[in-house]
Amino acid sequence: MLMSYVGALKSWIYMPLFGAFGASVWTTRVPMLAAGAASIWLFYLFLHGVAGKRAAVAGCLLLAADPIYLLTTCFDWGPVALQHLLVMGGSF
């Protein structure tokens, strides 16, 4: 049931992008890579508030180097990247 909602959100995100730039590899992958980068930034802000700057930098370095996180953000084309972004956005 969750995936149908994520699919609708993904369609709302991609509709203006495909209208403006057309459908290509770049317009498919770059928005979800931006969502992955934004979720790392939100993770940094969350850890900075909880454990301080040093722990936030270390945690973000570990997250940015995690192969599973990188693969799901780069090659999943959206659902997991949006899930990460929305979970971190809701953590505040």
PDB file of N, CA and C in Angstrom:
ATOM      1  N   MET A   1       0.815  -1.180   0.000  1.00  0.00           N
ATOM      2  CA  MET A   1       0.000   0.000   0.000  1.00  0.00           C
ATOM      3  C   MET A   1       0.868   1.258   0.000  1.00  0.00           C
ATOM      4  N   LEU A   2       1.972   1.221   0.695  1.00  0.00           N
ATOM      5  CA  LEU A   2       2.857   2.375   0.748  1.00  0.00           C
ATOM      6  C   LEU A   2       3.432   2.697  -0.626  1.00  0.00           C
ATOM      7  N   MET A   3       3.767   1.677  -1.399  1.00  0.00           N
ATOM      8  CA  MET A   3       4.412   1.913  -2.685  1.00  0.00           C
ATOM      9  C   MET A   3       3.499   2.649  -3.660  1.00  0.00           C
ATOM     10  N   SER A   4       2.172   2.463  -3.576  1.00  0.00           N
ATOM     11  CA  SER A   4       1.291   3.204  -4.474  1.00  0.00           C
ATOM     12  C   SER A   4       1.331   4.701  -4.134  1.00  0.00           C
ATOM     13  N   TYR A   5       1.415   5.041  -2.863  1.00  0.00           N
ATOM     14  CA  TYR A   5       1.527   6.444  -2.480  1.00  0.00           C
ATOM     15  C   TYR A   5       2.859   7.033  -2.911  1.00  0.00           C
ATOM     16  N   VAL A   6       3.924   6.267  -2.760  1.00  0.00           N
ATOM     17  CA  VAL A   6       5.240   6.747  -3.176  1.00  0.00           C
ATOM     18  C   VAL A   6       5.268   6.896  -4.688  1.00  0.00           C
ATOM     19  N   GLY A   7       4.622   5.995  -5.407  1.00  0.00           N
ATOM     20  CA  GLY A   7       4.558   6.102  -6.863  1.00  0.00           C
ATOM     21  C   GLY A   7       3.814   7.350  -7.301  1.00  0.00           C
ATOM     22  N   ALA A   8       2.756   7.701  -6.588  1.00  0.00           N
ATOM     23  CA  ALA A   8       2.017   8.919  -6.911  1.00  0.00           C
ATOM     24  C   ALA A   8       2.872  10.147  -6.639  1.00  0.00           C
ATOM     25  N   LEU A   9       3.586  10.167  -5.531  1.00  0.00           N
ATOM     26  CA  LEU A   9       4.471  11.292  -5.221  1.00  0.00           C
ATOM     27  C   LEU A   9       5.570  11.410  -6.269  1.00  0.00           C
ATOM     28  N   LYS A  10       6.113  10.273  -6.655  1.00  0.00           N
ATOM     29  CA  LYS A  10       7.157  10.271  -7.672  1.00  0.00           C
ATOM     30  C   LYS A  10       6.618  10.801  -9.006  1.00  0.00           C
ATOM     31  N   SER A  11       5.398  10.453  -9.349  1.00  0.00           N
ATOM     32  CA  SER A  11       4.782  10.962 -10.580  1.00  0.00           C
ATOM     33  C   SER A  11       4.586  12.464 -10.510  1.00  0.00           C
ATOM     34  N   TRP A  12       4.178  12.972  -9.363  1.00  0.00           N
ATOM     35  CA  TRP A  12       4.003  14.421  -9.208  1.00  0.00           C
ATOM     36  C   TRP A  12       5.337  15.158  -9.299  1.00  0.00           C
ATOM     37  N   ILE A  13       6.395  14.532  -8.845  1.00  0.00           N
ATOM     38  CA  ILE A  13       7.720  15.153  -8.931  1.00  0.00           C
ATOM     39  C   ILE A  13       8.212  15.146 -10.373  1.00  0.00           C
ATOM     40  N   TYR A  14       8.036  14.015 -11.066  1.00  0.00           N
ATOM     41  CA  TYR A  14       8.583  13.877 -12.416  1.00  0.00           C
ATOM     42  C   TYR A  14       7.749  14.572 -13.489  1.00  0.00           C
ATOM     43  N   MET A  15       6.457  14.781 -13.281  1.00  0.00           N
ATOM     44  CA  MET A  15       5.603  15.360 -14.314  1.00  0.00           C
ATOM     45  C   MET A  15       6.113  16.719 -14.804  1.00  0.00           C
ATOM     46  N   PRO A  16       6.399  17.685 -13.921  1.00  0.00           N
ATOM     47  CA  PRO A  16       6.915  18.958 -14.447  1.00  0.00           C
ATOM     48  C   PRO A  16       8.332  18.844 -15.017  1.00  0.00           C
ATOM     49  N   LEU A  17       9.135  17.936 -14.478  1.00  0.00           N
ATOM     50  CA  LEU A  17      10.492  17.763 -15.003  1.00  0.00           C
ATOM     51  C   LEU A  17      10.467  17.200 -16.417  1.00  0.00           C
ATOM     52  N   PHE A  18       9.646  16.174 -16.636  1.00  0.00           N
ATOM     53  CA  PHE A  18       9.549  15.602 -17.974  1.00  0.00           C
ATOM     54  C   PHE A  18       8.907  16.591 -18.941  1.00  0.00           C
ATOM     55  N   GLY A  19       7.975  17.404 -18.462  1.00  0.00           N
ATOM     56  CA  GLY A  19       7.372  18.426 -19.313  1.00  0.00           C
ATOM     57  C   GLY A  19       8.364  19.496 -19.732  1.00  0.00           C
ATOM     58  N   ALA A  20       9.244  19.862 -18.829  1.00  0.00           N
ATOM     59  CA  ALA A  20      10.213  20.930 -19.114  1.00  0.00           C
ATOM     60  C   ALA A  20      11.444  20.433 -19.858  1.00  0.00           C
ATOM     61  N   PHE A  21      11.954  19.254 -19.470  1.00  0.00           N
ATOM     62  CA  PHE A  21      13.221  18.787 -20.023  1.00  0.00           C
ATOM     63  C   PHE A  21      13.109  17.528 -20.878  1.00  0.00           C
ATOM     64  N   GLY A  22      11.941  16.904 -20.929  1.00  0.00           N
ATOM     65  CA  GLY A  22      11.789  15.653 -21.662  1.00  0.00           C
ATOM     66  C   GLY A  22      12.277  14.473 -20.835  1.00  0.00           C
ATOM     67  N   ALA A  23      11.924  13.290 -21.271  1.00  0.00           N
ATOM     68  CA  ALA A  23      12.329  12.073 -20.562  1.00  0.00           C
ATOM     69  C   ALA A  23      13.706  11.630 -21.047  1.00  0.00           C
ATOM     70  N   SER A  24      14.632  11.543 -20.131  1.00  0.00           N
ATOM     71  CA  SER A  24      15.977  11.073 -20.450  1.00  0.00           C
ATOM     72  C   SER A  24      16.568  10.423 -19.201  1.00  0.00           C
ATOM     73  N   VAL A  25      17.759   9.915 -19.357  1.00  0.00           N
ATOM     74  CA  VAL A  25      18.448   9.320 -18.212  1.00  0.00           C
ATOM     75  C   VAL A  25      18.699  10.380 -17.140  1.00  0.00           C
ATOM     76  N   TRP A  26      19.052  11.579 -17.550  1.00  0.00           N
ATOM     77  CA  TRP A  26      19.368  12.645 -16.605  1.00  0.00           C
ATOM     78  C   TRP A  26      18.143  13.086 -15.819  1.00  0.00           C
ATOM     79  N   THR A  27      17.014  13.263 -16.493  1.00  0.00           N
ATOM     80  CA  THR A  27      15.822  13.710 -15.771  1.00  0.00           C
ATOM     81  C   THR A  27      15.221  12.610 -14.917  1.00  0.00           C
ATOM     82  N   THR A  28      15.634  11.371 -15.152  1.00  0.00           N
ATOM     83  CA  THR A  28      15.166  10.273 -14.314  1.00  0.00           C
ATOM     84  C   THR A  28      16.024  10.118 -13.063  1.00  0.00           C
ATOM     85  N   ARG A  29      17.326  10.234 -13.213  1.00  0.00           N
ATOM     86  CA  ARG A  29      18.217   9.936 -12.090  1.00  0.00           C
ATOM     87  C   ARG A  29      18.590  11.138 -11.229  1.00  0.00           C
ATOM     88  N   VAL A  30      18.771  12.284 -11.816  1.00  0.00           N
ATOM     89  CA  VAL A  30      19.266  13.438 -11.059  1.00  0.00           C
ATOM     90  C   VAL A  30      18.326  13.854  -9.919  1.00  0.00           C
ATOM     91  N   PRO A  31      16.996  13.880 -10.102  1.00  0.00           N
ATOM     92  CA  PRO A  31      16.149  14.254  -8.961  1.00  0.00           C
ATOM     93  C   PRO A  31      16.275  13.311  -7.775  1.00  0.00           C
ATOM     94  N   MET A  32      16.425  12.022  -8.022  1.00  0.00           N
ATOM     95  CA  MET A  32      16.561  11.089  -6.901  1.00  0.00           C
ATOM     96  C   MET A  32      17.953  11.149  -6.288  1.00  0.00           C
ATOM     97  N   LEU A  33      18.964  11.489  -7.077  1.00  0.00           N
ATOM     98  CA  LEU A  33      20.286  11.729  -6.491  1.00  0.00           C
ATOM     99  C   LEU A  33      20.258  12.977  -5.612  1.00  0.00           C
ATOM    100  N   ALA A  34      19.507  13.989  -6.035  1.00  0.00           N
ATOM    101  CA  ALA A  34      19.335  15.178  -5.211  1.00  0.00           C
ATOM    102  C   ALA A  34      18.581  14.839  -3.926  1.00  0.00           C
ATOM    103  N   ALA A  35      17.589  13.950  -4.026  1.00  0.00           N
ATOM    104  CA  ALA A  35      16.869  13.513  -2.820  1.00  0.00           C
ATOM    105  C   ALA A  35      17.803  12.749  -1.885  1.00  0.00           C
ATOM    106  N   GLY A  36      18.686  11.930  -2.438  1.00  0.00           N
ATOM    107  CA  GLY A  36      19.662  11.225  -1.617  1.00  0.00           C
ATOM    108  C   GLY A  36      20.634  12.170  -0.938  1.00  0.00           C
ATOM    109  N   ALA A  37      21.090  13.189  -1.663  1.00  0.00           N
ATOM    110  CA  ALA A  37      21.988  14.193  -1.067  1.00  0.00           C
ATOM    111  C   ALA A  37      21.260  14.993   0.006  1.00  0.00           C
ATOM    112  N   ALA A  38      20.006  15.317  -0.248  1.00  0.00           N
ATOM    113  CA  ALA A  38      19.231  16.062   0.748  1.00  0.00           C
ATOM    114  C   ALA A  38      18.994  15.233   2.003  1.00  0.00           C
ATOM    115  N   SER A  39      18.803  13.923   1.832  1.00  0.00           N
ATOM    116  CA  SER A  39      18.598  13.084   3.015  1.00  0.00           C
ATOM    117  C   SER A  39      19.881  12.961   3.827  1.00  0.00           C
ATOM    118  N   ILE A  40      21.033  12.976   3.178  1.00  0.00           N
ATOM    119  CA  ILE A  40      22.301  12.987   3.925  1.00  0.00           C
ATOM    120  C   ILE A  40      22.437  14.303   4.688  1.00  0.00           C
ATOM    121  N   TRP A  41      22.055  15.417   4.070  1.00  0.00           N
ATOM    122  CA  TRP A  41      22.111  16.710   4.752  1.00  0.00           C
ATOM    123  C   TRP A  41      21.166  16.733   5.949  1.00  0.00           C
ATOM    124  N   LEU A  42      19.949  16.205   5.779  1.00  0.00           N
ATOM    125  CA  LEU A  42      19.008  16.152   6.898  1.00  0.00           C
ATOM    126  C   LEU A  42      19.519  15.229   8.002  1.00  0.00           C
ATOM    127  N   PHE A  43      20.192  14.151   7.616  1.00  0.00           N
ATOM    128  CA  PHE A  43      20.805  13.254   8.590  1.00  0.00           C
ATOM    129  C   PHE A  43      21.886  13.990   9.378  1.00  0.00           C
ATOM    130  N   TYR A  44      22.660  14.825   8.678  1.00  0.00           N
ATOM    131  CA  TYR A  44      23.670  15.633   9.356  1.00  0.00           C
ATOM    132  C   TYR A  44      23.020  16.570  10.375  1.00  0.00           C
ATOM    133  N   LEU A  45      21.972  17.260   9.953  1.00  0.00           N
ATOM    134  CA  LEU A  45      21.296  18.187  10.869  1.00  0.00           C
ATOM    135  C   LEU A  45      20.714  17.461  12.077  1.00  0.00           C
ATOM    136  N   PHE A  46      20.152  16.287  11.839  1.00  0.00           N
ATOM    137  CA  PHE A  46      19.578  15.494  12.930  1.00  0.00           C
ATOM    138  C   PHE A  46      20.663  15.061  13.912  1.00  0.00           C
ATOM    139  N   LEU A  47      21.761  14.499  13.392  1.00  0.00           N
ATOM    140  CA  LEU A  47      22.841  14.052  14.275  1.00  0.00           C
ATOM    141  C   LEU A  47      23.521  15.226  14.979  1.00  0.00           C
ATOM    142  N   HIS A  48      23.637  16.344  14.305  1.00  0.00           N
ATOM    143  CA  HIS A  48      24.250  17.521  14.936  1.00  0.00           C
ATOM    144  C   HIS A  48      23.433  17.963  16.141  1.00  0.00           C
ATOM    145  N   GLY A  49      22.125  17.891  16.018  1.00  0.00           N
ATOM    146  CA  GLY A  49      21.279  18.274  17.146  1.00  0.00           C
ATOM    147  C   GLY A  49      21.300  17.264  18.272  1.00  0.00           C
ATOM    148  N   VAL A  50      21.498  15.994  17.941  1.00  0.00           N
ATOM    149  CA  VAL A  50      21.456  14.934  18.950  1.00  0.00           C
ATOM    150  C   VAL A  50      22.820  14.707  19.592  1.00  0.00           C
ATOM    151  N   ALA A  51      23.884  14.636  18.770  1.00  0.00           N
ATOM    152  CA  ALA A  51      25.169  14.194  19.295  1.00  0.00           C
ATOM    153  C   ALA A  51      26.329  15.143  19.046  1.00  0.00           C
ATOM    154  N   GLY A  52      26.118  16.246  18.350  1.00  0.00           N
ATOM    155  CA  GLY A  52      27.203  17.187  18.115  1.00  0.00           C
ATOM    156  C   GLY A  52      27.781  17.093  16.714  1.00  0.00           C
ATOM    157  N   LYS A  53      28.646  18.055  16.419  1.00  0.00           N
ATOM    158  CA  LYS A  53      29.182  18.179  15.066  1.00  0.00           C
ATOM    159  C   LYS A  53      30.090  17.019  14.674  1.00  0.00           C
ATOM    160  N   ARG A  54      30.917  16.605  15.574  1.00  0.00           N
ATOM    161  CA  ARG A  54      31.867  15.534  15.261  1.00  0.00           C
ATOM    162  C   ARG A  54      31.157  14.229  14.924  1.00  0.00           C
ATOM    163  N   ALA A  55      30.153  13.876  15.700  1.00  0.00           N
ATOM    164  CA  ALA A  55      29.375  12.671  15.423  1.00  0.00           C
ATOM    165  C   ALA A  55      28.571  12.825  14.137  1.00  0.00           C
ATOM    166  N   ALA A  56      28.091  14.037  13.854  1.00  0.00           N
ATOM    167  CA  ALA A  56      27.322  14.270  12.639  1.00  0.00           C
ATOM    168  C   ALA A  56      28.190  14.095  11.394  1.00  0.00           C
ATOM    169  N   VAL A  57      29.393  14.611  11.433  1.00  0.00           N
ATOM    170  CA  VAL A  57      30.300  14.453  10.299  1.00  0.00           C
ATOM    171  C   VAL A  57      30.664  12.986  10.115  1.00  0.00           C
ATOM    172  N   ALA A  58      30.983  12.304  11.205  1.00  0.00           N
ATOM    173  CA  ALA A  58      31.331  10.880  11.107  1.00  0.00           C
ATOM    174  C   ALA A  58      30.147  10.057  10.595  1.00  0.00           C
ATOM    175  N   GLY A  59      28.966  10.328  11.092  1.00  0.00           N
ATOM    176  CA  GLY A  59      27.782   9.592  10.648  1.00  0.00           C
ATOM    177  C   GLY A  59      27.474   9.831   9.190  1.00  0.00           C
ATOM    178  N   CYS A  60      27.627  11.064   8.730  1.00  0.00           N
ATOM    179  CA  CYS A  60      27.364  11.364   7.318  1.00  0.00           C
ATOM    180  C   CYS A  60      28.416  10.750   6.399  1.00  0.00           C
ATOM    181  N   LEU A  61      29.645  10.721   6.846  1.00  0.00           N
ATOM    182  CA  LEU A  61      30.672  10.044   6.052  1.00  0.00           C
ATOM    183  C   LEU A  61      30.380   8.549   5.934  1.00  0.00           C
ATOM    184  N   LEU A  62      29.953   7.945   7.022  1.00  0.00           N
ATOM    185  CA  LEU A  62      29.596   6.525   6.967  1.00  0.00           C
ATOM    186  C   LEU A  62      28.377   6.283   6.074  1.00  0.00           C
ATOM    187  N   LEU A  63      27.376   7.145   6.179  1.00  0.00           N
ATOM    188  CA  LEU A  63      26.186   6.987   5.353  1.00  0.00           C
ATOM    189  C   LEU A  63      26.506   7.207   3.884  1.00  0.00           C
ATOM    190  N   ALA A  64      27.300   8.213   3.569  1.00  0.00           N
ATOM    191  CA  ALA A  64      27.636   8.506   2.178  1.00  0.00           C
ATOM    192  C   ALA A  64      28.540   7.438   1.562  1.00  0.00           C
ATOM    193  N   ALA A  65      29.212   6.653   2.379  1.00  0.00           N
ATOM    194  CA  ALA A  65      30.071   5.583   1.868  1.00  0.00           C
ATOM    195  C   ALA A  65      29.408   4.212   1.940  1.00  0.00           C
ATOM    196  N   ASP A  66      28.183   4.134   2.412  1.00  0.00           N
ATOM    197  CA  ASP A  66      27.485   2.861   2.532  1.00  0.00           C
ATOM    198  C   ASP A  66      27.045   2.378   1.155  1.00  0.00           C
ATOM    199  N   PRO A  67      27.512   1.211   0.719  1.00  0.00           N
ATOM    200  CA  PRO A  67      27.177   0.740  -0.628  1.00  0.00           C
ATOM    201  C   PRO A  67      25.679   0.504  -0.844  1.00  0.00           C
ATOM    202  N   ILE A  68      24.989  -0.007   0.141  1.00  0.00           N
ATOM    203  CA  ILE A  68      23.557  -0.264  -0.024  1.00  0.00           C
ATOM    204  C   ILE A  68      22.800   1.054  -0.166  1.00  0.00           C
ATOM    205  N   TYR A  69      23.153   2.044   0.620  1.00  0.00           N
ATOM    206  CA  TYR A  69      22.504   3.354   0.505  1.00  0.00           C
ATOM    207  C   TYR A  69      22.757   3.950  -0.874  1.00  0.00           C
ATOM    208  N   LEU A  70      23.983   3.888  -1.338  1.00  0.00           N
ATOM    209  CA  LEU A  70      24.318   4.456  -2.641  1.00  0.00           C
ATOM    210  C   LEU A  70      23.620   3.725  -3.780  1.00  0.00           C
ATOM    211  N   LEU A  71      23.585   2.405  -3.724  1.00  0.00           N
ATOM    212  CA  LEU A  71      22.945   1.635  -4.793  1.00  0.00           C
ATOM    213  C   LEU A  71      21.449   1.867  -4.839  1.00  0.00           C
ATOM    214  N   THR A  72      20.798   1.897  -3.684  1.00  0.00           N
ATOM    215  CA  THR A  72      19.354   2.110  -3.697  1.00  0.00           C
ATOM    216  C   THR A  72      19.009   3.537  -4.104  1.00  0.00           C
ATOM    217  N   THR A  73      19.858   4.495  -3.785  1.00  0.00           N
ATOM    218  CA  THR A  73      19.598   5.877  -4.197  1.00  0.00           C
ATOM    219  C   THR A  73      19.856   6.057  -5.688  1.00  0.00           C
ATOM    220  N   CYS A  74      20.927   5.469  -6.197  1.00  0.00           N
ATOM    221  CA  CYS A  74      21.285   5.671  -7.606  1.00  0.00           C
ATOM    222  C   CYS A  74      20.455   4.834  -8.571  1.00  0.00           C
ATOM    223  N   PHE A  75      20.175   3.594  -8.235  1.00  0.00           N
ATOM    224  CA  PHE A  75      19.573   2.683  -9.203  1.00  0.00           C
ATOM    225  C   PHE A  75      18.132   2.309  -8.912  1.00  0.00           C
ATOM    226  N   ASP A  76      17.562   2.766  -7.829  1.00  0.00           N
ATOM    227  CA  ASP A  76      16.182   2.426  -7.519  1.00  0.00           C
ATOM    228  C   ASP A  76      15.208   3.400  -8.165  1.00  0.00           C
ATOM    229  N   TRP A  77      15.693   4.507  -8.627  1.00  0.00           N
ATOM    230  CA  TRP A  77      14.917   5.536  -9.325  1.00  0.00           C
ATOM    231  C   TRP A  77      13.755   6.065  -8.523  1.00  0.00           C
ATOM    232  N   GLY A  78      13.890   6.143  -7.238  1.00  0.00           N
ATOM    233  CA  GLY A  78      12.905   6.910  -6.523  1.00  0.00           C
ATOM    234  C   GLY A  78      12.289   6.408  -5.253  1.00  0.00           C
ATOM    235  N   PRO A  79      11.640   5.259  -5.206  1.00  0.00           N
ATOM    236  CA  PRO A  79      10.889   4.934  -3.993  1.00  0.00           C
ATOM    237  C   PRO A  79      11.726   4.919  -2.721  1.00  0.00           C
ATOM    238  N   VAL A  80      12.875   4.304  -2.757  1.00  0.00           N
ATOM    239  CA  VAL A  80      13.690   4.226  -1.547  1.00  0.00           C
ATOM    240  C   VAL A  80      14.341   5.577  -1.250  1.00  0.00           C
ATOM    241  N   ALA A  81      14.773   6.291  -2.274  1.00  0.00           N
ATOM    242  CA  ALA A  81      15.360   7.617  -2.057  1.00  0.00           C
ATOM    243  C   ALA A  81      14.334   8.565  -1.454  1.00  0.00           C
ATOM    244  N   LEU A  82      13.112   8.514  -1.942  1.00  0.00           N
ATOM    245  CA  LEU A  82      12.054   9.346  -1.362  1.00  0.00           C
ATOM    246  C   LEU A  82      11.722   8.908   0.056  1.00  0.00           C
ATOM    247  N   GLN A  83      11.757   7.611   0.294  1.00  0.00           N
ATOM    248  CA  GLN A  83      11.496   7.107   1.646  1.00  0.00           C
ATOM    249  C   GLN A  83      12.560   7.615   2.617  1.00  0.00           C
ATOM    250  N   HIS A  84      13.814   7.572   2.225  1.00  0.00           N
ATOM    251  CA  HIS A  84      14.884   8.091   3.083  1.00  0.00           C
ATOM    252  C   HIS A  84      14.689   9.576   3.348  1.00  0.00           C
ATOM    253  N   LEU A  85      14.375  10.322   2.298  1.00  0.00           N
ATOM    254  CA  LEU A  85      14.192  11.767   2.453  1.00  0.00           C
ATOM    255  C   LEU A  85      13.018  12.091   3.358  1.00  0.00           C
ATOM    256  N   LEU A  86      11.913  11.408   3.182  1.00  0.00           N
ATOM    257  CA  LEU A  86      10.733  11.691   3.984  1.00  0.00           C
ATOM    258  C   LEU A  86      10.903  11.251   5.444  1.00  0.00           C
ATOM    259  N   VAL A  87      11.606  10.148   5.661  1.00  0.00           N
ATOM    260  CA  VAL A  87      11.861   9.711   7.044  1.00  0.00           C
ATOM    261  C   VAL A  87      12.764  10.706   7.755  1.00  0.00           C
ATOM    262  N   MET A  88      13.805  11.160   7.078  1.00  0.00           N
ATOM    263  CA  MET A  88      14.694  12.134   7.728  1.00  0.00           C
ATOM    264  C   MET A  88      13.990  13.471   7.893  1.00  0.00           C
ATOM    265  N   GLY A  89      13.150  13.848   6.934  1.00  0.00           N
ATOM    266  CA  GLY A  89      12.399  15.093   7.077  1.00  0.00           C
ATOM    267  C   GLY A  89      11.396  15.035   8.216  1.00  0.00           C
ATOM    268  N   GLY A  90      10.861  13.860   8.475  1.00  0.00           N
ATOM    269  CA  GLY A  90       9.915  13.696   9.569  1.00  0.00           C
ATOM    270  C   GLY A  90      10.560  13.473  10.911  1.00  0.00           C
ATOM    271  N   SER A  91      11.865  13.365  10.967  1.00  0.00           N
ATOM    272  CA  SER A  91      12.559  13.104  12.226  1.00  0.00           C
ATOM    273  C   SER A  91      12.693  14.344  13.106  1.00  0.00           C
ATOM    274  N   PHE A  92      12.430  15.480  12.544  1.00  0.00           N
ATOM    275  CA  PHE A  92      12.579  16.701  13.326  1.00  0.00           C
ATOM    276  C   PHE A  92      11.333  16.913  14.073  1.00  0.00           C
TER     277      PHE A  92
END
